[in-house]
């Protein structure tokens, strides 16, 4: 789609086309629709992220919690969204040894025990090694730092998803 086409969509169609950008959180697209017209891809992304960042902490945490564990049950059972499946595969997470799967499982549980939400990282910008390093490095963050980091990663994920469906300038 082009930005012109995006700008011409009614709110319901806008959400239908872009609601998936932020995992399980179509409310972001619903609210960002009001910022039309968008001048381009970056302007659209900024409007979407502004909704995310200006939300109170509870919807932000719901957004973070909507993300699946990396190499978690949903990935292993094949029930991830198509976007998450492609993203985890791009990082090589679909080609792990049983020992590596167990390591990811252990790290997911440790992370969730500490922060009460899943570890979020833009898998398309990483590979298995940097993701594992991210787990250990981010465990030292405060909860507030980790919420901010997770939201920043969500922003990057949404931008790459947006580039997949909307033509740039």
Protein backbone atom coordinates (compact mmCIF):
# COMPACT_ATOMS: atom_id res chain seq x y z
CA UNK A 1 0.00 0.00 0.00
CA UNK A 2 1.02 3.60 -0.48
CA UNK A 3 0.79 6.39 2.09
CA UNK A 4 -1.93 7.95 -0.06
CA UNK A 5 -3.95 4.73 0.19
CA UNK A 6 -3.30 4.54 3.95
CA UNK A 7 -4.50 8.13 4.39
CA UNK A 8 -7.72 7.35 2.51
CA UNK A 9 -8.71 4.42 4.74
CA UNK A 10 -11.55 4.69 7.21
CA UNK A 11 -10.63 3.85 10.78
CA UNK A 12 -11.94 0.29 10.61
CA UNK A 13 -9.98 -0.49 7.42
CA UNK A 14 -6.88 1.25 8.81
CA UNK A 15 -6.99 -0.99 11.87
CA UNK A 16 -7.66 -4.05 9.70
CA UNK A 17 -4.58 -3.29 7.57
CA UNK A 18 -2.20 -2.07 10.31
CA UNK A 19 -3.53 -3.39 13.61
CA UNK A 20 -1.07 -6.31 13.51
CA UNK A 21 1.99 -4.04 13.58
CA UNK A 22 2.01 -3.97 17.37
CA UNK A 23 1.57 -7.57 18.57
CA UNK A 24 -1.97 -8.14 19.85
CA UNK A 25 -2.57 -4.41 20.23
CA UNK A 26 -4.78 -2.99 17.45
CA UNK A 27 -5.70 -0.12 19.82
CA UNK A 28 -2.47 1.59 18.73
CA UNK A 29 -3.53 1.74 15.07
CA UNK A 30 -7.05 2.68 16.12
CA UNK A 31 -5.79 5.74 18.00
CA UNK A 32 -3.05 6.67 15.48
CA UNK A 33 -5.65 6.87 12.69
CA UNK A 34 -6.68 10.26 14.09
CA UNK A 35 -3.23 11.70 13.23
CA UNK A 36 -3.89 11.43 9.46
CA UNK A 37 -2.85 12.55 6.97
CA UNK A 38 0.60 11.02 7.21
CA UNK A 39 3.35 12.57 5.11
CA UNK A 40 5.23 9.30 4.71
CA UNK A 41 6.27 6.00 6.21
CA UNK A 42 8.33 7.58 8.99
CA UNK A 43 5.55 10.00 9.91
CA UNK A 44 3.10 7.09 10.14
CA UNK A 45 5.52 5.10 12.31
CA UNK A 46 6.08 8.10 14.58
CA UNK A 47 2.33 8.57 15.01
CA UNK A 48 1.89 4.90 15.91
CA UNK A 49 4.79 5.00 18.37
CA UNK A 50 3.52 8.22 19.92
CA UNK A 51 0.30 6.39 20.83
CA UNK A 52 2.35 3.55 22.36
CA UNK A 53 4.70 5.83 24.32
CA UNK A 54 1.93 8.16 25.54
CA UNK A 55 -0.20 5.28 26.83
CA UNK A 56 -0.27 4.64 30.55
CA UNK A 57 1.88 1.83 31.89
CA UNK A 58 -0.91 -0.77 32.01
CA UNK A 59 -1.62 -0.79 28.24
CA UNK A 60 2.13 -0.65 27.61
CA UNK A 61 2.61 -3.74 29.76
CA UNK A 62 -0.29 -5.46 27.98
CA UNK A 63 1.46 -4.73 24.67
CA UNK A 64 4.75 -6.14 25.95
CA UNK A 65 2.97 -9.19 27.38
CA UNK A 66 1.29 -9.82 24.02
CA UNK A 67 4.70 -10.75 22.59
CA UNK A 68 5.49 -14.45 22.54
CA UNK A 69 8.49 -15.96 24.28
CA UNK A 70 11.39 -16.46 21.91
CA UNK A 71 11.51 -20.18 21.10
CA UNK A 72 8.63 -20.57 23.55
CA UNK A 73 5.59 -22.83 23.54
CA UNK A 74 3.87 -20.92 20.75
CA UNK A 75 6.94 -21.17 18.51
CA UNK A 76 7.45 -24.85 19.28
CA UNK A 77 3.78 -25.67 18.65
CA UNK A 78 3.59 -23.58 15.47
CA UNK A 79 0.95 -21.20 16.83
CA UNK A 80 2.85 -17.91 16.47
CA UNK A 81 1.47 -15.17 14.24
CA UNK A 82 2.89 -15.38 10.71
CA UNK A 83 4.92 -12.22 11.42
CA UNK A 84 6.47 -13.62 14.61
CA UNK A 85 7.21 -16.91 12.88
CA UNK A 86 9.12 -15.13 10.09
CA UNK A 87 10.91 -12.85 12.56
CA UNK A 88 12.10 -15.68 14.79
CA UNK A 89 13.18 -17.67 11.72
CA UNK A 90 15.17 -14.69 10.39
CA UNK A 91 17.24 -14.83 13.59
CA UNK A 92 17.79 -18.56 13.14
CA UNK A 93 15.61 -19.45 16.11
CA UNK A 94 13.81 -22.12 14.10
CA UNK A 95 17.05 -24.08 13.68
CA UNK A 96 18.20 -24.62 17.27
CA UNK A 97 19.54 -27.75 18.88
CA UNK A 98 17.55 -29.29 21.76
CA UNK A 99 20.16 -27.85 24.16
CA UNK A 100 19.71 -24.36 22.70
CA UNK A 101 15.92 -24.66 22.96
CA UNK A 102 16.36 -25.59 26.64
CA UNK A 103 18.66 -22.59 27.16
CA UNK A 104 16.08 -20.23 25.66
CA UNK A 105 13.40 -21.81 27.84
CA UNK A 106 15.47 -21.31 30.99
CA UNK A 107 16.32 -17.70 30.09
CA UNK A 108 12.68 -16.91 29.24
CA UNK A 109 11.59 -18.18 32.66
CA UNK A 110 14.32 -16.29 34.53
CA UNK A 111 13.51 -13.09 32.68
CA UNK A 112 9.75 -13.38 33.27
CA UNK A 113 10.33 -14.18 36.96
CA UNK A 114 12.34 -10.97 37.30
CA UNK A 115 10.23 -8.58 35.20
CA UNK A 116 6.76 -10.21 34.93
CA UNK A 117 6.68 -9.90 31.15
CA UNK A 118 8.42 -11.65 28.25
CA UNK A 119 11.80 -10.68 26.86
CA UNK A 120 11.22 -8.56 23.74
CA UNK A 121 13.91 -7.97 21.15
CA UNK A 122 13.72 -7.18 17.45
CA UNK A 123 14.64 -10.64 16.16
CA UNK A 124 15.05 -9.39 12.59
CA UNK A 125 17.95 -7.21 13.75
CA UNK A 126 19.63 -10.03 15.69
CA UNK A 127 20.87 -13.58 15.52
CA UNK A 128 20.79 -16.29 18.17
CA UNK A 129 24.08 -15.21 19.79
CA UNK A 130 23.14 -11.54 20.20
CA UNK A 131 19.71 -12.49 21.53
CA UNK A 132 21.28 -14.76 24.15
CA UNK A 133 23.68 -11.96 25.05
CA UNK A 134 20.73 -9.56 25.30
CA UNK A 135 19.00 -11.84 27.80
CA UNK A 136 21.98 -11.84 30.15
CA UNK A 137 22.85 -8.16 29.72
CA UNK A 138 19.32 -6.92 30.26
CA UNK A 139 18.75 -8.99 33.41
CA UNK A 140 20.69 -6.27 35.28
CA UNK A 141 18.27 -3.52 34.22
CA UNK A 142 15.70 -2.07 36.58
CA UNK A 143 12.08 -2.86 35.75
CA UNK A 144 11.51 0.68 34.46
CA UNK A 145 14.63 0.46 32.27
CA UNK A 146 13.45 -2.86 30.93
CA UNK A 147 9.97 -1.54 30.13
CA UNK A 148 11.60 1.32 28.19
CA UNK A 149 13.93 -1.10 26.41
CA UNK A 150 11.08 -3.46 25.53
CA UNK A 151 9.00 -0.58 24.12
CA UNK A 152 11.99 0.56 22.03
CA UNK A 153 12.32 -2.98 20.65
CA UNK A 154 8.57 -3.07 19.94
CA UNK A 155 9.00 0.18 18.00
CA UNK A 156 11.70 -1.41 15.84
CA UNK A 157 9.60 -4.54 15.26
CA UNK A 158 6.62 -2.39 14.21
CA UNK A 159 8.77 -0.31 11.85
CA UNK A 160 10.05 -3.37 10.02
CA UNK A 161 6.53 -4.81 9.80
CA UNK A 162 5.29 -1.46 8.50
CA UNK A 163 7.99 -1.42 5.80
CA UNK A 164 6.75 -4.83 4.69
CA UNK A 165 3.26 -3.50 3.90
CA UNK A 166 3.59 0.22 3.13
CA UNK A 167 5.67 1.63 0.31
CA UNK A 168 8.26 4.19 1.37
CA UNK A 169 8.49 7.73 0.06
